[in-house]
PDB file of N, CA and C in Angstrom:
ATOM      1  N   MET A   1      -5.425  40.783  -3.036  1.00  0.00           N
ATOM      2  CA  MET A   1      -5.849  39.716  -2.180  1.00  0.00           C
ATOM      3  C   MET A   1      -4.633  39.239  -1.376  1.00  0.00           C
ATOM      4  N   SER A   2      -4.851  38.888  -0.117  1.00  0.00           N
ATOM      5  CA  SER A   2      -3.735  38.416   0.705  1.00  0.00           C
ATOM      6  C   SER A   2      -4.219  37.360   1.689  1.00  0.00           C
ATOM      7  N   ILE A   3      -3.300  36.522   2.063  1.00  0.00           N
ATOM      8  CA  ILE A   3      -3.538  35.530   3.108  1.00  0.00           C
ATOM      9  C   ILE A   3      -2.577  35.890   4.226  1.00  0.00           C
ATOM     10  N   GLY A   4      -3.129  36.379   5.315  1.00  0.00           N
ATOM     11  CA  GLY A   4      -2.279  36.882   6.384  1.00  0.00           C
ATOM     12  C   GLY A   4      -1.541  38.106   5.860  1.00  0.00           C
ATOM     13  N   ALA A   5      -0.217  38.097   5.944  1.00  0.00           N
ATOM     14  CA  ALA A   5       0.583  39.210   5.451  1.00  0.00           C
ATOM     15  C   ALA A   5       1.138  38.942   4.059  1.00  0.00           C
ATOM     16  N   ALA A   6       0.890  37.769   3.505  1.00  0.00           N
ATOM     17  CA  ALA A   6       1.462  37.394   2.206  1.00  0.00           C
ATOM     18  C   ALA A   6       0.478  37.696   1.080  1.00  0.00           C
ATOM     19  N   PRO A   7       0.929  38.441   0.075  1.00  0.00           N
ATOM     20  CA  PRO A   7       0.046  38.693  -1.068  1.00  0.00           C
ATOM     21  C   PRO A   7      -0.065  37.450  -1.955  1.00  0.00           C
ATOM     22  N   VAL A   8      -1.261  37.176  -2.462  1.00  0.00           N
ATOM     23  CA  VAL A   8      -1.491  36.023  -3.334  1.00  0.00           C
ATOM     24  C   VAL A   8      -2.345  36.449  -4.516  1.00  0.00           C
ATOM     25  N   SER A   9      -2.269  35.655  -5.583  1.00  0.00           N
ATOM     26  CA  SER A   9      -3.142  35.883  -6.725  1.00  0.00           C
ATOM     27  C   SER A   9      -3.664  34.536  -7.196  1.00  0.00           C
ATOM     28  N   ALA A  10      -4.831  34.545  -7.791  1.00  0.00           N
ATOM     29  CA  ALA A  10      -5.440  33.309  -8.269  1.00  0.00           C
ATOM     30  C   ALA A  10      -6.072  33.559  -9.624  1.00  0.00           C
ATOM     31  N   SER A  11      -6.116  32.514 -10.431  1.00  0.00           N
ATOM     32  CA  SER A  11      -6.763  32.623 -11.735  1.00  0.00           C
ATOM     33  C   SER A  11      -7.378  31.277 -12.093  1.00  0.00           C
ATOM     34  N   PHE A  12      -8.359  31.301 -12.974  1.00  0.00           N
ATOM     35  CA  PHE A  12      -8.996  30.075 -13.438  1.00  0.00           C
ATOM     36  C   PHE A  12      -8.126  29.434 -14.507  1.00  0.00           C
ATOM     37  N   ALA A  13      -8.114  28.105 -14.522  1.00  0.00           N
ATOM     38  CA  ALA A  13      -7.374  27.367 -15.545  1.00  0.00           C
ATOM     39  C   ALA A  13      -8.249  26.222 -16.035  1.00  0.00           C
ATOM     40  N   ALA A  14      -8.076  25.884 -17.291  1.00  0.00           N
ATOM     41  CA  ALA A  14      -8.811  24.745 -17.844  1.00  0.00           C
ATOM     42  C   ALA A  14      -8.268  23.463 -17.231  1.00  0.00           C
ATOM     43  N   LEU A  15      -9.127  22.483 -17.080  1.00  0.00           N
ATOM     44  CA  LEU A  15      -8.719  21.221 -16.467  1.00  0.00           C
ATOM     45  C   LEU A  15      -7.600  20.545 -17.252  1.00  0.00           C
ATOM     46  N   ASN A  16      -7.593  20.720 -18.563  1.00  0.00           N
ATOM     47  CA  ASN A  16      -6.543  20.118 -19.394  1.00  0.00           C
ATOM     48  C   ASN A  16      -5.187  20.786 -19.203  1.00  0.00           C
ATOM     49  N   ASP A  17      -5.172  22.033 -18.719  1.00  0.00           N
ATOM     50  CA  ASP A  17      -3.915  22.756 -18.518  1.00  0.00           C
ATOM     51  C   ASP A  17      -3.191  22.337 -17.250  1.00  0.00           C
ATOM     52  N   ILE A  18      -3.891  21.693 -16.339  1.00  0.00           N
ATOM     53  CA  ILE A  18      -3.287  21.274 -15.073  1.00  0.00           C
ATOM     54  C   ILE A  18      -2.631  19.914 -15.278  1.00  0.00           C
ATOM     55  N   PRO A  19      -1.315  19.811 -15.069  1.00  0.00           N
ATOM     56  CA  PRO A  19      -0.649  18.514 -15.278  1.00  0.00           C
ATOM     57  C   PRO A  19      -1.045  17.518 -14.192  1.00  0.00           C
ATOM     58  N   PRO A  20      -1.207  16.237 -14.553  1.00  0.00           N
ATOM     59  CA  PRO A  20      -1.551  15.235 -13.536  1.00  0.00           C
ATOM     60  C   PRO A  20      -0.385  15.016 -12.577  1.00  0.00           C
ATOM     61  N   ARG A  21      -0.722  14.715 -11.348  1.00  0.00           N
ATOM     62  CA  ARG A  21       0.301  14.470 -10.336  1.00  0.00           C
ATOM     63  C   ARG A  21       0.972  13.126 -10.599  1.00  0.00           C
ATOM     64  N   GLU A  22       2.287  13.121 -10.551  1.00  0.00           N
ATOM     65  CA  GLU A  22       3.018  11.877 -10.765  1.00  0.00           C
ATOM     66  C   GLU A  22       2.844  10.967  -9.563  1.00  0.00           C
ATOM     67  N   GLU A  23       2.529   9.703  -9.842  1.00  0.00           N
ATOM     68  CA  GLU A  23       2.442   8.730  -8.763  1.00  0.00           C
ATOM     69  C   GLU A  23       3.844   8.224  -8.469  1.00  0.00           C
ATOM     70  N   ARG A  24       4.255   8.363  -7.239  1.00  0.00           N
ATOM     71  CA  ARG A  24       5.560   7.846  -6.848  1.00  0.00           C
ATOM     72  C   ARG A  24       5.340   6.452  -6.291  1.00  0.00           C
ATOM     73  N   VAL A  25       5.825   5.471  -7.022  1.00  0.00           N
ATOM     74  CA  VAL A  25       5.644   4.084  -6.613  1.00  0.00           C
ATOM     75  C   VAL A  25       6.980   3.362  -6.600  1.00  0.00           C
ATOM     76  N   LYS A  26       7.029   2.334  -5.792  1.00  0.00           N
ATOM     77  CA  LYS A  26       8.205   1.478  -5.702  1.00  0.00           C
ATOM     78  C   LYS A  26       7.713   0.053  -5.906  1.00  0.00           C
ATOM     79  N   GLU A  27       8.238  -0.620  -6.922  1.00  0.00           N
ATOM     80  CA  GLU A  27       7.839  -2.002  -7.170  1.00  0.00           C
ATOM     81  C   GLU A  27       8.718  -2.935  -6.356  1.00  0.00           C
ATOM     82  N   ILE A  28       8.089  -3.876  -5.693  1.00  0.00           N
ATOM     83  CA  ILE A  28       8.789  -4.830  -4.837  1.00  0.00           C
ATOM     84  C   ILE A  28       8.445  -6.230  -5.315  1.00  0.00           C
ATOM     85  N   LYS A  29       9.450  -6.967  -5.757  1.00  0.00           N
ATOM     86  CA  LYS A  29       9.248  -8.369  -6.127  1.00  0.00           C
ATOM     87  C   LYS A  29       9.871  -9.198  -5.014  1.00  0.00           C
ATOM     88  N   THR A  30       9.055 -10.013  -4.369  1.00  0.00           N
ATOM     89  CA  THR A  30       9.523 -10.770  -3.211  1.00  0.00           C
ATOM     90  C   THR A  30       8.845 -12.130  -3.171  1.00  0.00           C
ATOM     91  N   THR A  31       9.332 -12.971  -2.268  1.00  0.00           N
ATOM     92  CA  THR A  31       8.689 -14.265  -2.053  1.00  0.00           C
ATOM     93  C   THR A  31       8.169 -14.320  -0.629  1.00  0.00           C
ATOM     94  N   VAL A  32       7.020 -14.953  -0.468  1.00  0.00           N
ATOM     95  CA  VAL A  32       6.396 -15.094   0.848  1.00  0.00           C
ATOM     96  C   VAL A  32       5.975 -16.545   1.029  1.00  0.00           C
ATOM     97  N   PRO A  33       5.932 -17.029   2.276  1.00  0.00           N
ATOM     98  CA  PRO A  33       5.530 -18.419   2.494  1.00  0.00           C
ATOM     99  C   PRO A  33       4.039 -18.669   2.267  1.00  0.00           C
ATOM    100  N   SER A  34       3.197 -17.642   2.476  1.00  0.00           N
ATOM    101  CA  SER A  34       1.753 -17.797   2.266  1.00  0.00           C
ATOM    102  C   SER A  34       1.154 -16.436   1.941  1.00  0.00           C
ATOM    103  N   LEU A  35      -0.091 -16.426   1.519  1.00  0.00           N
ATOM    104  CA  LEU A  35      -0.767 -15.180   1.151  1.00  0.00           C
ATOM    105  C   LEU A  35      -1.651 -14.663   2.283  1.00  0.00           C
ATOM    106  N   ARG A  36      -1.134 -14.739   3.516  1.00  0.00           N
ATOM    107  CA  ARG A  36      -1.822 -14.168   4.673  1.00  0.00           C
ATOM    108  C   ARG A  36      -1.571 -12.665   4.708  1.00  0.00           C
ATOM    109  N   LEU A  37      -2.496 -11.933   5.305  1.00  0.00           N
ATOM    110  CA  LEU A  37      -2.383 -10.481   5.387  1.00  0.00           C
ATOM    111  C   LEU A  37      -1.110 -10.047   6.089  1.00  0.00           C
ATOM    112  N   ASP A  38      -0.805 -10.632   7.246  1.00  0.00           N
ATOM    113  CA  ASP A  38       0.373 -10.188   7.993  1.00  0.00           C
ATOM    114  C   ASP A  38       1.665 -10.445   7.220  1.00  0.00           C
ATOM    115  N   VAL A  39       1.736 -11.536   6.468  1.00  0.00           N
ATOM    116  CA  VAL A  39       2.948 -11.880   5.720  1.00  0.00           C
ATOM    117  C   VAL A  39       3.150 -10.921   4.548  1.00  0.00           C
ATOM    118  N   VAL A  40       2.093 -10.712   3.762  1.00  0.00           N
ATOM    119  CA  VAL A  40       2.202  -9.852   2.577  1.00  0.00           C
ATOM    120  C   VAL A  40       2.433  -8.398   2.982  1.00  0.00           C
ATOM    121  N   ALA A  41       1.720  -7.917   3.993  1.00  0.00           N
ATOM    122  CA  ALA A  41       1.891  -6.536   4.447  1.00  0.00           C
ATOM    123  C   ALA A  41       3.282  -6.314   5.031  1.00  0.00           C
ATOM    124  N   ALA A  42       3.800  -7.288   5.770  1.00  0.00           N
ATOM    125  CA  ALA A  42       5.150  -7.163   6.326  1.00  0.00           C
ATOM    126  C   ALA A  42       6.181  -7.065   5.207  1.00  0.00           C
ATOM    127  N   ALA A  43       5.990  -7.829   4.135  1.00  0.00           N
ATOM    128  CA  ALA A  43       6.909  -7.759   2.994  1.00  0.00           C
ATOM    129  C   ALA A  43       6.802  -6.409   2.293  1.00  0.00           C
ATOM    130  N   GLY A  44       5.612  -5.878   2.172  1.00  0.00           N
ATOM    131  CA  GLY A  44       5.410  -4.608   1.483  1.00  0.00           C
ATOM    132  C   GLY A  44       5.928  -3.405   2.243  1.00  0.00           C
ATOM    133  N   TYR A  45       5.791  -3.422   3.560  1.00  0.00           N
ATOM    134  CA  TYR A  45       6.228  -2.287   4.372  1.00  0.00           C
ATOM    135  C   TYR A  45       7.617  -2.482   4.970  1.00  0.00           C
ATOM    136  N   GLY A  46       8.194  -3.658   4.819  1.00  0.00           N
ATOM    137  CA  GLY A  46       9.546  -3.899   5.321  1.00  0.00           C
ATOM    138  C   GLY A  46       9.631  -3.982   6.830  1.00  0.00           C
ATOM    139  N   VAL A  47       8.632  -4.569   7.464  1.00  0.00           N
ATOM    140  CA  VAL A  47       8.648  -4.750   8.917  1.00  0.00           C
ATOM    141  C   VAL A  47       8.449  -6.227   9.233  1.00  0.00           C
ATOM    142  N   SER A  48       8.578  -6.585  10.498  1.00  0.00           N
ATOM    143  CA  SER A  48       8.432  -7.985  10.891  1.00  0.00           C
ATOM    144  C   SER A  48       6.958  -8.390  10.930  1.00  0.00           C
ATOM    145  N   ARG A  49       6.718  -9.691  10.830  1.00  0.00           N
ATOM    146  CA  ARG A  49       5.347 -10.206  10.912  1.00  0.00           C
ATOM    147  C   ARG A  49       4.732  -9.918  12.271  1.00  0.00           C
ATOM    148  N   THR A  50       5.535  -9.998  13.324  1.00  0.00           N
ATOM    149  CA  THR A  50       5.032  -9.734  14.675  1.00  0.00           C
ATOM    150  C   THR A  50       4.538  -8.299  14.791  1.00  0.00           C
ATOM    151  N   ARG A  51       5.334  -7.358  14.281  1.00  0.00           N
ATOM    152  CA  ARG A  51       4.926  -5.953  14.344  1.00  0.00           C
ATOM    153  C   ARG A  51       3.669  -5.729  13.507  1.00  0.00           C
ATOM    154  N   MET A  52       3.606  -6.382  12.353  1.00  0.00           N
ATOM    155  CA  MET A  52       2.429  -6.229  11.501  1.00  0.00           C
ATOM    156  C   MET A  52       1.188  -6.808  12.179  1.00  0.00           C
ATOM    157  N   SER A  53       1.334  -7.929  12.887  1.00  0.00           N
ATOM    158  CA  SER A  53       0.203  -8.501  13.630  1.00  0.00           C
ATOM    159  C   SER A  53      -0.278  -7.537  14.705  1.00  0.00           C
ATOM    160  N   ASP A  54       0.664  -6.850  15.363  1.00  0.00           N
ATOM    161  CA  ASP A  54       0.294  -5.850  16.367  1.00  0.00           C
ATOM    162  C   ASP A  54      -0.467  -4.685  15.729  1.00  0.00           C
ATOM    163  N   GLU A  55      -0.026  -4.256  14.545  1.00  0.00           N
ATOM    164  CA  GLU A  55      -0.702  -3.158  13.842  1.00  0.00           C
ATOM    165  C   GLU A  55      -2.118  -3.572  13.417  1.00  0.00           C
ATOM    166  N   ILE A  56      -2.273  -4.828  12.999  1.00  0.00           N
ATOM    167  CA  ILE A  56      -3.599  -5.330  12.611  1.00  0.00           C
ATOM    168  C   ILE A  56      -4.514  -5.376  13.832  1.00  0.00           C
ATOM    169  N   ALA A  57      -3.979  -5.835  14.969  1.00  0.00           N
ATOM    170  CA  ALA A  57      -4.767  -5.893  16.204  1.00  0.00           C
ATOM    171  C   ALA A  57      -5.159  -4.490  16.673  1.00  0.00           C
ATOM    172  N   ALA A  58      -4.300  -3.487  16.395  1.00  0.00           N
ATOM    173  CA  ALA A  58      -4.589  -2.105  16.776  1.00  0.00           C
ATOM    174  C   ALA A  58      -5.503  -1.415  15.762  1.00  0.00           C
ATOM    175  N   ASP A  59      -5.981  -2.162  14.757  1.00  0.00           N
ATOM    176  CA  ASP A  59      -6.909  -1.664  13.739  1.00  0.00           C
ATOM    177  C   ASP A  59      -6.311  -0.536  12.899  1.00  0.00           C
ATOM    178  N   LYS A  60      -5.005  -0.639  12.596  1.00  0.00           N
ATOM    179  CA  LYS A  60      -4.343   0.358  11.758  1.00  0.00           C
ATOM    180  C   LYS A  60      -4.212  -0.095  10.306  1.00  0.00           C
ATOM    181  N   ILE A  61      -4.671  -1.301   9.998  1.00  0.00           N
ATOM    182  CA  ILE A  61      -4.537  -1.869   8.657  1.00  0.00           C
ATOM    183  C   ILE A  61      -5.918  -2.030   8.029  1.00  0.00           C
ATOM    184  N   LYS A  62      -6.016  -1.657   6.748  1.00  0.00           N
ATOM    185  CA  LYS A  62      -7.250  -1.856   5.997  1.00  0.00           C
ATOM    186  C   LYS A  62      -6.922  -2.594   4.708  1.00  0.00           C
ATOM    187  N   VAL A  63      -7.844  -3.448   4.281  1.00  0.00           N
ATOM    188  CA  VAL A  63      -7.717  -4.163   3.015  1.00  0.00           C
ATOM    189  C   VAL A  63      -8.890  -3.737   2.149  1.00  0.00           C
ATOM    190  N   ASN A  64      -8.582  -3.151   1.003  1.00  0.00           N
ATOM    191  CA  ASN A  64      -9.618  -2.624   0.105  1.00  0.00           C
ATOM    192  C   ASN A  64     -10.562  -1.676   0.844  1.00  0.00           C
ATOM    193  N   TRP A  65      -9.999  -0.821   1.668  1.00  0.00           N
ATOM    194  CA  TRP A  65     -10.698   0.216   2.415  1.00  0.00           C
ATOM    195  C   TRP A  65     -11.681  -0.322   3.445  1.00  0.00           C
ATOM    196  N   GLN A  66     -11.529  -1.578   3.832  1.00  0.00           N
ATOM    197  CA  GLN A  66     -12.332  -2.177   4.895  1.00  0.00           C
ATOM    198  C   GLN A  66     -11.380  -2.585   6.015  1.00  0.00           C
ATOM    199  N   GLY A  67     -11.789  -2.467   7.250  1.00  0.00           N
ATOM    200  CA  GLY A  67     -10.953  -2.864   8.375  1.00  0.00           C
ATOM    201  C   GLY A  67     -10.537  -4.324   8.275  1.00  0.00           C
ATOM    202  N   ALA A  68      -9.291  -4.605   8.601  1.00  0.00           N
ATOM    203  CA  ALA A  68      -8.781  -5.979   8.530  1.00  0.00           C
ATOM    204  C   ALA A  68      -9.428  -6.815   9.624  1.00  0.00           C
ATOM    205  N   LYS A  69      -9.850  -8.021   9.263  1.00  0.00           N
ATOM    206  CA  LYS A  69     -10.522  -8.889  10.227  1.00  0.00           C
ATOM    207  C   LYS A  69      -9.524  -9.517  11.191  1.00  0.00           C
ATOM    208  N   ASN A  70      -8.503 -10.177  10.639  1.00  0.00           N
ATOM    209  CA  ASN A  70      -7.465 -10.773  11.479  1.00  0.00           C
ATOM    210  C   ASN A  70      -6.195 -10.969  10.662  1.00  0.00           C
ATOM    211  N   SER A  71      -5.138 -11.401  11.311  1.00  0.00           N
ATOM    212  CA  SER A  71      -3.837 -11.544  10.658  1.00  0.00           C
ATOM    213  C   SER A  71      -3.828 -12.604   9.580  1.00  0.00           C
ATOM    214  N   SER A  72      -4.692 -13.600   9.698  1.00  0.00           N
ATOM    215  CA  SER A  72      -4.676 -14.707   8.742  1.00  0.00           C
ATOM    216  C   SER A  72      -5.623 -14.490   7.564  1.00  0.00           C
ATOM    217  N   GLN A  73      -6.143 -13.290   7.421  1.00  0.00           N
ATOM    218  CA  GLN A  73      -7.049 -12.985   6.312  1.00  0.00           C
ATOM    219  C   GLN A  73      -6.334 -13.228   4.983  1.00  0.00           C
ATOM    220  N   PRO A  74      -6.942 -13.969   4.047  1.00  0.00           N
ATOM    221  CA  PRO A  74      -6.272 -14.244   2.768  1.00  0.00           C
ATOM    222  C   PRO A  74      -6.234 -13.011   1.863  1.00  0.00           C
ATOM    223  N   ILE A  75      -5.147 -12.886   1.118  1.00  0.00           N
ATOM    224  CA  ILE A  75      -4.933 -11.771   0.202  1.00  0.00           C
ATOM    225  C   ILE A  75      -4.883 -12.326  -1.215  1.00  0.00           C
ATOM    226  N   LYS A  76      -5.430 -11.574  -2.170  1.00  0.00           N
ATOM    227  CA  LYS A  76      -5.393 -12.010  -3.567  1.00  0.00           C
ATOM    228  C   LYS A  76      -4.857 -10.871  -4.440  1.00  0.00           C
ATOM    229  N   ALA A  77      -4.565 -11.175  -5.692  1.00  0.00           N
ATOM    230  CA  ALA A  77      -4.064 -10.165  -6.624  1.00  0.00           C
ATOM    231  C   ALA A  77      -5.106  -9.063  -6.789  1.00  0.00           C
ATOM    232  N   GLY A  78      -4.640  -7.821  -6.805  1.00  0.00           N
ATOM    233  CA  GLY A  78      -5.533  -6.677  -6.945  1.00  0.00           C
ATOM    234  C   GLY A  78      -5.933  -6.038  -5.633  1.00  0.00           C
ATOM    235  N   ASP A  79      -5.667  -6.697  -4.511  1.00  0.00           N
ATOM    236  CA  ASP A  79      -6.006  -6.124  -3.205  1.00  0.00           C
ATOM    237  C   ASP A  79      -5.097  -4.938  -2.898  1.00  0.00           C
ATOM    238  N   ILE A  80      -5.652  -3.961  -2.191  1.00  0.00           N
ATOM    239  CA  ILE A  80      -4.882  -2.801  -1.751  1.00  0.00           C
ATOM    240  C   ILE A  80      -4.873  -2.802  -0.233  1.00  0.00           C
ATOM    241  N   ILE A  81      -3.665  -2.833   0.324  1.00  0.00           N
ATOM    242  CA  ILE A  81      -3.475  -2.829   1.774  1.00  0.00           C
ATOM    243  C   ILE A  81      -3.030  -1.424   2.158  1.00  0.00           C
ATOM    244  N   SER A  82      -3.707  -0.806   3.107  1.00  0.00           N
ATOM    245  CA  SER A  82      -3.296   0.521   3.554  1.00  0.00           C
ATOM    246  C   SER A  82      -3.040   0.496   5.053  1.00  0.00           C
ATOM    247  N   MET A  83      -1.981   1.185   5.445  1.00  0.00           N
ATOM    248  CA  MET A  83      -1.580   1.253   6.848  1.00  0.00           C
ATOM    249  C   MET A  83      -1.535   2.716   7.247  1.00  0.00           C
ATOM    250  N   ARG A  84      -2.234   3.039   8.313  1.00  0.00           N
ATOM    251  CA  ARG A  84      -2.300   4.422   8.762  1.00  0.00           C
ATOM    252  C   ARG A  84      -0.893   4.954   9.058  1.00  0.00           C
ATOM    253  N   GLY A  85      -0.526   6.025   8.368  1.00  0.00           N
ATOM    254  CA  GLY A  85       0.773   6.647   8.578  1.00  0.00           C
ATOM    255  C   GLY A  85       1.891   6.099   7.711  1.00  0.00           C
ATOM    256  N   ARG A  86       1.646   5.019   6.954  1.00  0.00           N
ATOM    257  CA  ARG A  86       2.708   4.415   6.138  1.00  0.00           C
ATOM    258  C   ARG A  86       2.385   4.345   4.651  1.00  0.00           C
ATOM    259  N   GLY A  87       1.144   4.589   4.246  1.00  0.00           N
ATOM    260  CA  GLY A  87       0.800   4.567   2.828  1.00  0.00           C
ATOM    261  C   GLY A  87       0.086   3.295   2.414  1.00  0.00           C
ATOM    262  N   ARG A  88       0.110   3.039   1.100  1.00  0.00           N
ATOM    263  CA  ARG A  88      -0.613   1.901   0.530  1.00  0.00           C
ATOM    264  C   ARG A  88       0.321   0.958  -0.196  1.00  0.00           C
ATOM    265  N   VAL A  89      -0.078  -0.309  -0.224  1.00  0.00           N
ATOM    266  CA  VAL A  89       0.620  -1.344  -0.982  1.00  0.00           C
ATOM    267  C   VAL A  89      -0.432  -2.077  -1.803  1.00  0.00           C
ATOM    268  N   GLU A  90      -0.183  -2.191  -3.107  1.00  0.00           N
ATOM    269  CA  GLU A  90      -1.092  -2.933  -3.982  1.00  0.00           C
ATOM    270  C   GLU A  90      -0.442  -4.253  -4.366  1.00  0.00           C
ATOM    271  N   VAL A  91      -1.198  -5.330  -4.253  1.00  0.00           N
ATOM    272  CA  VAL A  91      -0.725  -6.642  -4.687  1.00  0.00           C
ATOM    273  C   VAL A  91      -1.006  -6.711  -6.185  1.00  0.00           C
ATOM    274  N   CYS A  92       0.020  -6.459  -6.997  1.00  0.00           N
ATOM    275  CA  CYS A  92      -0.171  -6.384  -8.449  1.00  0.00           C
ATOM    276  C   CYS A  92      -0.351  -7.755  -9.069  1.00  0.00           C
ATOM    277  N   GLU A  93       0.520  -8.678  -8.695  1.00  0.00           N
ATOM    278  CA  GLU A  93       0.518  -9.963  -9.388  1.00  0.00           C
ATOM    279  C   GLU A  93       1.040 -11.058  -8.475  1.00  0.00           C
ATOM    280  N   ILE A  94       0.423 -12.208  -8.560  1.00  0.00           N
ATOM    281  CA  ILE A  94       0.952 -13.405  -7.910  1.00  0.00           C
ATOM    282  C   ILE A  94       1.625 -14.192  -9.026  1.00  0.00           C
ATOM    283  N   ILE A  95       2.955 -14.190  -9.019  1.00  0.00           N
ATOM    284  CA  ILE A  95       3.730 -14.714 -10.142  1.00  0.00           C
ATOM    285  C   ILE A  95       3.707 -16.234 -10.193  1.00  0.00           C
ATOM    286  N   GLY A  96       3.873 -16.881  -9.061  1.00  0.00           N
ATOM    287  CA  GLY A  96       3.870 -18.339  -9.034  1.00  0.00           C
ATOM    288  C   GLY A  96       4.685 -18.855  -7.866  1.00  0.00           C
ATOM    289  N   GLN A  97       4.947 -20.160  -7.872  1.00  0.00           N
ATOM    290  CA  GLN A  97       5.708 -20.771  -6.787  1.00  0.00           C
ATOM    291  C   GLN A  97       7.157 -20.971  -7.187  1.00  0.00           C
ATOM    292  N   THR A  98       8.026 -20.875  -6.182  1.00  0.00           N
ATOM    293  CA  THR A  98       9.438 -21.161  -6.396  1.00  0.00           C
ATOM    294  C   THR A  98       9.665 -22.660  -6.207  1.00  0.00           C
ATOM    295  N   LYS A  99      10.893 -23.090  -6.441  1.00  0.00           N
ATOM    296  CA  LYS A  99      11.223 -24.507  -6.274  1.00  0.00           C
ATOM    297  C   LYS A  99      11.038 -24.962  -4.831  1.00  0.00           C
ATOM    298  N   LYS A 100      11.247 -24.045  -3.899  1.00  0.00           N
ATOM    299  CA  LYS A 100      11.126 -24.395  -2.480  1.00  0.00           C
ATOM    300  C   LYS A 100       9.705 -24.228  -1.944  1.00  0.00           C
ATOM    301  N   GLY A 101       8.760 -23.893  -2.809  1.00  0.00           N
ATOM    302  CA  GLY A 101       7.368 -23.817  -2.382  1.00  0.00           C
ATOM    303  C   GLY A 101       6.911 -22.455  -1.903  1.00  0.00           C
ATOM    304  N   ARG A 102       7.774 -21.447  -1.964  1.00  0.00           N
ATOM    305  CA  ARG A 102       7.358 -20.097  -1.580  1.00  0.00           C
ATOM    306  C   ARG A 102       6.604 -19.455  -2.741  1.00  0.00           C
ATOM    307  N   ILE A 103       5.815 -18.448  -2.442  1.00  0.00           N
ATOM    308  CA  ILE A 103       4.994 -17.792  -3.454  1.00  0.00           C
ATOM    309  C   ILE A 103       5.667 -16.480  -3.851  1.00  0.00           C
ATOM    310  N   SER A 104       5.925 -16.313  -5.122  1.00  0.00           N
ATOM    311  CA  SER A 104       6.547 -15.103  -5.646  1.00  0.00           C
ATOM    312  C   SER A 104       5.444 -14.102  -5.990  1.00  0.00           C
ATOM    313  N   ILE A 105       5.570 -12.872  -5.466  1.00  0.00           N
ATOM    314  CA  ILE A 105       4.548 -11.847  -5.699  1.00  0.00           C
ATOM    315  C   ILE A 105       5.201 -10.536  -6.117  1.00  0.00           C
ATOM    316  N   LEU A 106       4.421  -9.707  -6.799  1.00  0.00           N
ATOM    317  CA  LEU A 106       4.860  -8.375  -7.193  1.00  0.00           C
ATOM    318  C   LEU A 106       3.970  -7.371  -6.478  1.00  0.00           C
ATOM    319  N   LEU A 107       4.592  -6.502  -5.679  1.00  0.00           N
ATOM    320  CA  LEU A 107       3.871  -5.482  -4.922  1.00  0.00           C
ATOM    321  C   LEU A 107       4.219  -4.110  -5.467  1.00  0.00           C
ATOM    322  N   LYS A 108       3.291  -3.181  -5.359  1.00  0.00           N
ATOM    323  CA  LYS A 108       3.534  -1.799  -5.750  1.00  0.00           C
ATOM    324  C   LYS A 108       3.246  -0.940  -4.528  1.00  0.00           C
ATOM    325  N   ARG A 109       4.299  -0.301  -3.996  1.00  0.00           N
ATOM    326  CA  ARG A 109       4.133   0.535  -2.806  1.00  0.00           C
ATOM    327  C   ARG A 109       4.063   1.996  -3.209  1.00  0.00           C
ATOM    328  N   PHE A 110       2.983   2.655  -2.822  1.00  0.00           N
ATOM    329  CA  PHE A 110       2.801   4.070  -3.114  1.00  0.00           C
ATOM    330  C   PHE A 110       3.497   4.876  -2.028  1.00  0.00           C
ATOM    331  N   ILE A 111       4.433   5.704  -2.436  1.00  0.00           N
ATOM    332  CA  ILE A 111       5.255   6.452  -1.480  1.00  0.00           C
ATOM    333  C   ILE A 111       4.647   7.822  -1.248  1.00  0.00           C
TER     334      ILE A 111
END
């Protein structure tokens, strides 16, 4: 059997014999002033809020696999934010407030 000019071989394997793919994730612990979509997504992807607002307006951002409504859409723990071409960010935990009133959150970015 060949694909183009390259010879190949294939065989059946039991599902248990195939190792699961490792998830490459990066945990990000940060503080944000509010739980708006543009603020949390900007923290997760490392870009400015203005750029993130532009991406939301261009319909490149989805929250829980649904198109983002607007930049001020509220985000809660467990939400998954996905950006076309940049991957996904999961809001793992809302830790609490800091002394200055900012909200401490834990994000998991899938690389």
